[in-house]
Amino acid sequence: MPTTVFRCLLLSSLAIVNGSSYAASVHEREQLSLVQQQFDTLERLATQAEAEARTPEPADRYRFDYPRLIRDIQRIRLGVQGYLSPSRAQPRNPTELVGDYRLDTPSAEPSP
């Protein structure tokens, strides 16, 4: 009887250790939580800047692509969340960040 209890405790402890071996350390989780908060701030600032830049100046040749930036921030945030709480045995298709946030502004006058 005592050996059965010992075996059950041993198996339980192995399962706990094995299950937690994939989790990030406490320090890493704290740091990534701070990163997530910074993503929230970045997204909020980008949304505010987009709202202020809604009307492009006629002389502007290019403008910043805020929606693309916000999508990339959200994609990175989902990647960090996926690392912190991975789904079980689900394959994933990582997508690349675009990184080019410049849009051509259409000219107000037609070209001759």
N, C-alpha and C. Protein backbone atom coordinates (compact mmCIF):
# COMPACT_ATOMS: atom_id res chain seq x y z
N MET A 1 0.81 -1.19 0.00
CA MET A 1 0.00 0.00 0.00
C MET A 1 0.86 1.26 0.00
N PRO A 2 1.89 1.38 0.90
CA PRO A 2 2.71 2.58 0.88
C PRO A 2 3.43 2.76 -0.46
N THR A 3 3.84 1.68 -1.12
CA THR A 3 4.52 1.83 -2.41
C THR A 3 3.56 2.35 -3.48
N THR A 4 2.29 1.99 -3.41
CA THR A 4 1.29 2.48 -4.36
C THR A 4 1.09 3.99 -4.18
N VAL A 5 1.00 4.43 -2.94
CA VAL A 5 0.85 5.86 -2.66
C VAL A 5 2.10 6.61 -3.14
N PHE A 6 3.28 6.01 -2.86
CA PHE A 6 4.52 6.63 -3.29
C PHE A 6 4.58 6.74 -4.81
N ARG A 7 4.18 5.68 -5.52
CA ARG A 7 4.17 5.71 -6.98
C ARG A 7 3.21 6.77 -7.51
N CYS A 8 2.03 6.88 -6.89
CA CYS A 8 1.06 7.89 -7.32
C CYS A 8 1.61 9.29 -7.11
N LEU A 9 2.26 9.53 -5.95
CA LEU A 9 2.86 10.84 -5.70
C LEU A 9 3.99 11.12 -6.68
N LEU A 10 4.78 10.11 -6.97
CA LEU A 10 5.88 10.28 -7.90
C LEU A 10 5.36 10.61 -9.30
N LEU A 11 4.36 9.89 -9.75
CA LEU A 11 3.77 10.17 -11.06
C LEU A 11 3.14 11.55 -11.11
N SER A 12 2.46 11.94 -10.04
CA SER A 12 1.85 13.27 -10.00
C SER A 12 2.90 14.36 -10.06
N SER A 13 3.98 14.19 -9.29
CA SER A 13 5.03 15.21 -9.31
C SER A 13 5.72 15.27 -10.66
N LEU A 14 5.91 14.14 -11.32
CA LEU A 14 6.50 14.15 -12.65
C LEU A 14 5.58 14.84 -13.65
N ALA A 15 4.31 14.61 -13.53
CA ALA A 15 3.36 15.28 -14.43
C ALA A 15 3.37 16.79 -14.23
N ILE A 16 3.45 17.22 -12.98
CA ILE A 16 3.49 18.66 -12.69
C ILE A 16 4.77 19.27 -13.22
N VAL A 17 5.90 18.63 -12.97
CA VAL A 17 7.19 19.15 -13.44
C VAL A 17 7.22 19.16 -14.96
N ASN A 18 6.76 18.10 -15.59
CA ASN A 18 6.77 18.00 -17.04
C ASN A 18 5.84 19.05 -17.65
N GLY A 19 4.69 19.25 -17.06
CA GLY A 19 3.74 20.23 -17.59
C GLY A 19 4.23 21.65 -17.44
N SER A 20 4.95 21.93 -16.38
CA SER A 20 5.42 23.30 -16.17
C SER A 20 6.74 23.58 -16.85
N SER A 21 7.37 22.57 -17.44
CA SER A 21 8.65 22.80 -18.08
C SER A 21 8.50 23.64 -19.35
N TYR A 22 7.32 23.69 -19.92
CA TYR A 22 7.09 24.48 -21.12
C TYR A 22 6.70 25.91 -20.79
N ALA A 23 6.33 26.18 -19.57
CA ALA A 23 5.91 27.52 -19.19
C ALA A 23 7.12 28.42 -19.02
N ALA A 24 6.93 29.69 -19.25
CA ALA A 24 8.00 30.65 -19.09
C ALA A 24 8.29 30.85 -17.61
N SER A 25 9.51 31.29 -17.30
CA SER A 25 9.85 31.56 -15.91
C SER A 25 9.03 32.75 -15.41
N VAL A 26 8.98 32.91 -14.12
CA VAL A 26 8.21 34.00 -13.52
C VAL A 26 8.76 35.34 -13.98
N HIS A 27 10.08 35.47 -13.99
CA HIS A 27 10.69 36.72 -14.42
C HIS A 27 10.36 37.02 -15.89
N GLU A 28 10.43 35.98 -16.72
CA GLU A 28 10.12 36.16 -18.15
C GLU A 28 8.65 36.53 -18.34
N ARG A 29 7.77 35.91 -17.58
CA ARG A 29 6.34 36.26 -17.66
C ARG A 29 6.11 37.72 -17.27
N GLU A 30 6.79 38.17 -16.23
CA GLU A 30 6.66 39.56 -15.80
C GLU A 30 7.15 40.51 -16.89
N GLN A 31 8.29 40.19 -17.47
CA GLN A 31 8.84 41.03 -18.52
C GLN A 31 7.93 41.06 -19.75
N LEU A 32 7.40 39.91 -20.13
CA LEU A 32 6.51 39.87 -21.28
C LEU A 32 5.17 40.55 -20.98
N SER A 33 4.77 40.54 -19.74
CA SER A 33 3.57 41.29 -19.35
C SER A 33 3.80 42.79 -19.54
N LEU A 34 5.00 43.24 -19.18
CA LEU A 34 5.35 44.66 -19.41
C LEU A 34 5.39 44.97 -20.91
N VAL A 35 5.89 44.04 -21.69
CA VAL A 35 5.90 44.23 -23.14
C VAL A 35 4.47 44.36 -23.67
N GLN A 36 3.58 43.51 -23.16
CA GLN A 36 2.18 43.58 -23.58
C GLN A 36 1.58 44.94 -23.24
N GLN A 37 1.90 45.47 -22.07
CA GLN A 37 1.40 46.79 -21.69
C GLN A 37 1.94 47.86 -22.63
N GLN A 38 3.19 47.70 -23.03
CA GLN A 38 3.77 48.66 -23.96
C GLN A 38 3.10 48.57 -25.33
N PHE A 39 2.73 47.36 -25.74
CA PHE A 39 1.98 47.22 -27.00
C PHE A 39 0.64 47.95 -26.91
N ASP A 40 -0.01 47.85 -25.75
CA ASP A 40 -1.28 48.58 -25.56
C ASP A 40 -1.07 50.08 -25.72
N THR A 41 0.02 50.58 -25.13
CA THR A 41 0.32 52.01 -25.23
C THR A 41 0.63 52.39 -26.67
N LEU A 42 1.44 51.58 -27.35
CA LEU A 42 1.77 51.86 -28.75
C LEU A 42 0.52 51.89 -29.62
N GLU A 43 -0.34 50.92 -29.41
CA GLU A 43 -1.56 50.86 -30.22
C GLU A 43 -2.44 52.08 -29.96
N ARG A 44 -2.55 52.48 -28.71
CA ARG A 44 -3.36 53.66 -28.37
C ARG A 44 -2.76 54.92 -29.00
N LEU A 45 -1.43 55.06 -28.94
CA LEU A 45 -0.78 56.22 -29.55
C LEU A 45 -0.93 56.22 -31.06
N ALA A 46 -0.82 55.07 -31.67
CA ALA A 46 -0.99 54.98 -33.13
C ALA A 46 -2.42 55.33 -33.53
N THR A 47 -3.39 54.90 -32.74
CA THR A 47 -4.79 55.23 -33.02
C THR A 47 -5.03 56.73 -32.89
N GLN A 48 -4.45 57.35 -31.87
CA GLN A 48 -4.59 58.79 -31.70
C GLN A 48 -3.92 59.54 -32.84
N ALA A 49 -2.72 59.11 -33.23
CA ALA A 49 -2.01 59.78 -34.32
C ALA A 49 -2.78 59.63 -35.63
N GLU A 50 -3.39 58.47 -35.83
CA GLU A 50 -4.18 58.25 -37.05
C GLU A 50 -5.38 59.19 -37.07
N ALA A 51 -6.04 59.36 -35.93
CA ALA A 51 -7.19 60.25 -35.86
C ALA A 51 -6.80 61.69 -36.15
N GLU A 52 -5.62 62.10 -35.71
CA GLU A 52 -5.15 63.46 -35.94
C GLU A 52 -4.67 63.67 -37.37
N ALA A 53 -4.28 62.62 -38.04
CA ALA A 53 -3.74 62.73 -39.40
C ALA A 53 -4.76 62.30 -40.45
N ARG A 54 -6.03 62.36 -40.15
CA ARG A 54 -7.06 61.92 -41.09
C ARG A 54 -7.09 62.73 -42.38
N THR A 55 -6.84 64.01 -42.28
CA THR A 55 -6.89 64.86 -43.47
C THR A 55 -5.47 65.16 -43.92
N PRO A 56 -5.00 64.49 -44.97
CA PRO A 56 -3.63 64.75 -45.43
C PRO A 56 -3.53 66.13 -46.08
N GLU A 57 -2.39 66.71 -45.93
CA GLU A 57 -2.12 68.00 -46.56
C GLU A 57 -1.99 67.79 -48.06
N PRO A 58 -2.42 68.78 -48.86
CA PRO A 58 -2.34 68.63 -50.32
C PRO A 58 -0.91 68.44 -50.83
N ALA A 59 0.06 69.01 -50.13
CA ALA A 59 1.46 68.89 -50.57
C ALA A 59 2.11 67.58 -50.14
N ASP A 60 1.45 66.81 -49.28
CA ASP A 60 2.02 65.55 -48.81
C ASP A 60 2.03 64.52 -49.94
N ARG A 61 3.19 63.96 -50.16
CA ARG A 61 3.30 62.92 -51.18
C ARG A 61 3.06 61.54 -50.59
N TYR A 62 3.41 61.37 -49.34
CA TYR A 62 3.25 60.10 -48.64
C TYR A 62 2.54 60.34 -47.33
N ARG A 63 1.96 59.28 -46.81
CA ARG A 63 1.38 59.32 -45.47
C ARG A 63 1.68 57.99 -44.79
N PHE A 64 1.57 58.00 -43.49
CA PHE A 64 1.89 56.81 -42.69
C PHE A 64 0.69 55.86 -42.69
N ASP A 65 0.96 54.56 -42.83
CA ASP A 65 -0.09 53.54 -42.87
C ASP A 65 -0.37 53.05 -41.44
N TYR A 66 -1.19 53.78 -40.72
CA TYR A 66 -1.50 53.44 -39.32
C TYR A 66 -2.25 52.12 -39.19
N PRO A 67 -3.23 51.83 -40.04
CA PRO A 67 -3.91 50.53 -39.90
C PRO A 67 -2.95 49.33 -40.01
N ARG A 68 -1.98 49.43 -40.89
CA ARG A 68 -1.01 48.34 -41.04
C ARG A 68 -0.15 48.21 -39.79
N LEU A 69 0.27 49.34 -39.24
CA LEU A 69 1.05 49.33 -38.00
C LEU A 69 0.25 48.69 -36.86
N ILE A 70 -1.01 49.08 -36.74
CA ILE A 70 -1.86 48.54 -35.67
C ILE A 70 -2.04 47.03 -35.85
N ARG A 71 -2.23 46.58 -37.09
CA ARG A 71 -2.35 45.13 -37.34
C ARG A 71 -1.08 44.39 -36.95
N ASP A 72 0.09 44.99 -37.26
CA ASP A 72 1.36 44.34 -36.89
C ASP A 72 1.53 44.29 -35.37
N ILE A 73 1.16 45.35 -34.68
CA ILE A 73 1.22 45.35 -33.22
C ILE A 73 0.33 44.25 -32.66
N GLN A 74 -0.87 44.12 -33.19
CA GLN A 74 -1.80 43.08 -32.73
C GLN A 74 -1.24 41.69 -33.03
N ARG A 75 -0.60 41.54 -34.18
CA ARG A 75 -0.01 40.24 -34.54
C ARG A 75 1.11 39.87 -33.58
N ILE A 76 1.96 40.85 -33.24
CA ILE A 76 3.05 40.59 -32.29
C ILE A 76 2.47 40.25 -30.92
N ARG A 77 1.44 41.01 -30.49
CA ARG A 77 0.81 40.75 -29.20
C ARG A 77 0.26 39.32 -29.15
N LEU A 78 -0.39 38.88 -30.22
CA LEU A 78 -0.92 37.51 -30.26
C LEU A 78 0.22 36.48 -30.19
N GLY A 79 1.36 36.79 -30.80
CA GLY A 79 2.50 35.88 -30.72
C GLY A 79 3.03 35.75 -29.31
N VAL A 80 3.10 36.86 -28.59
CA VAL A 80 3.56 36.82 -27.19
C VAL A 80 2.55 36.05 -26.35
N GLN A 81 1.26 36.32 -26.56
CA GLN A 81 0.23 35.60 -25.82
C GLN A 81 0.28 34.11 -26.12
N GLY A 82 0.53 33.77 -27.39
CA GLY A 82 0.65 32.36 -27.76
C GLY A 82 1.83 31.68 -27.10
N TYR A 83 2.90 32.44 -26.88
CA TYR A 83 4.06 31.89 -26.18
C TYR A 83 3.76 31.67 -24.71
N LEU A 84 3.08 32.65 -24.11
CA LEU A 84 2.80 32.55 -22.68
C LEU A 84 1.76 31.49 -22.36
N SER A 85 0.82 31.28 -23.23
CA SER A 85 -0.20 30.25 -23.01
C SER A 85 -0.41 29.49 -24.31
N PRO A 86 0.53 28.59 -24.63
CA PRO A 86 0.45 27.89 -25.91
C PRO A 86 -0.73 26.92 -25.97
N SER A 87 -1.29 26.81 -27.16
CA SER A 87 -2.34 25.81 -27.35
C SER A 87 -1.66 24.46 -27.55
N ARG A 88 -2.39 23.45 -27.32
CA ARG A 88 -1.82 22.12 -27.35
C ARG A 88 -1.81 21.53 -28.74
N ALA A 89 -0.64 21.18 -29.23
CA ALA A 89 -0.46 20.45 -30.48
C ALA A 89 -1.21 21.07 -31.65
N GLN A 90 -1.27 22.38 -31.70
CA GLN A 90 -1.91 23.05 -32.82
C GLN A 90 -0.82 23.63 -33.72
N PRO A 91 -0.78 23.20 -34.96
CA PRO A 91 0.19 23.82 -35.86
C PRO A 91 -0.22 25.25 -36.16
N ARG A 92 0.74 26.09 -36.41
CA ARG A 92 0.40 27.46 -36.73
C ARG A 92 1.22 27.94 -37.91
N ASN A 93 0.66 28.86 -38.62
CA ASN A 93 1.32 29.44 -39.77
C ASN A 93 1.73 30.86 -39.41
N PRO A 94 2.98 31.06 -39.06
CA PRO A 94 3.39 32.42 -38.71
C PRO A 94 3.36 33.30 -39.96
N THR A 95 2.89 34.53 -39.77
CA THR A 95 2.86 35.48 -40.87
C THR A 95 3.94 36.51 -40.67
N GLU A 96 4.44 37.02 -41.77
CA GLU A 96 5.51 38.00 -41.69
C GLU A 96 4.95 39.38 -41.44
N LEU A 97 5.74 40.18 -40.73
CA LEU A 97 5.39 41.58 -40.56
C LEU A 97 5.74 42.31 -41.85
N VAL A 98 4.96 43.29 -42.16
CA VAL A 98 5.18 44.02 -43.39
C VAL A 98 6.35 44.99 -43.24
N GLY A 99 6.28 45.84 -42.22
CA GLY A 99 7.38 46.75 -41.92
C GLY A 99 7.45 47.99 -42.79
N ASP A 100 6.66 48.08 -43.86
CA ASP A 100 6.64 49.26 -44.72
C ASP A 100 5.36 50.01 -44.43
N TYR A 101 5.48 51.16 -43.81
CA TYR A 101 4.29 51.89 -43.36
C TYR A 101 4.08 53.19 -44.12
N ARG A 102 4.63 53.30 -45.31
CA ARG A 102 4.47 54.51 -46.09
C ARG A 102 3.46 54.25 -47.21
N LEU A 103 2.46 55.11 -47.29
CA LEU A 103 1.46 55.03 -48.35
C LEU A 103 1.62 56.21 -49.28
N ASP A 104 1.45 55.97 -50.56
CA ASP A 104 1.44 57.08 -51.50
C ASP A 104 0.12 57.81 -51.37
N THR A 105 0.18 59.12 -51.32
CA THR A 105 -1.02 59.93 -51.24
C THR A 105 -1.45 60.25 -52.66
N PRO A 106 -2.69 59.95 -53.02
CA PRO A 106 -3.12 60.26 -54.39
C PRO A 106 -3.13 61.78 -54.58
N SER A 107 -2.67 62.20 -55.75
CA SER A 107 -2.60 63.63 -56.01
C SER A 107 -4.00 64.19 -56.19
N ALA A 108 -4.18 65.46 -55.78
CA ALA A 108 -5.47 66.11 -55.88
C ALA A 108 -5.79 66.49 -57.31
N GLU A 109 -4.73 66.75 -58.12
CA GLU A 109 -4.93 67.15 -59.51
C GLU A 109 -4.48 66.02 -60.41
N PRO A 110 -5.21 65.79 -61.50
CA PRO A 110 -4.78 64.74 -62.43
C PRO A 110 -3.50 65.17 -63.15
N SER A 111 -2.65 64.24 -63.41
CA SER A 111 -1.40 64.51 -64.12
C SER A 111 -1.67 64.75 -65.59
N PRO A 112 -0.95 65.68 -66.24
CA PRO A 112 -1.20 65.94 -67.68
C PRO A 112 -0.63 64.85 -68.54
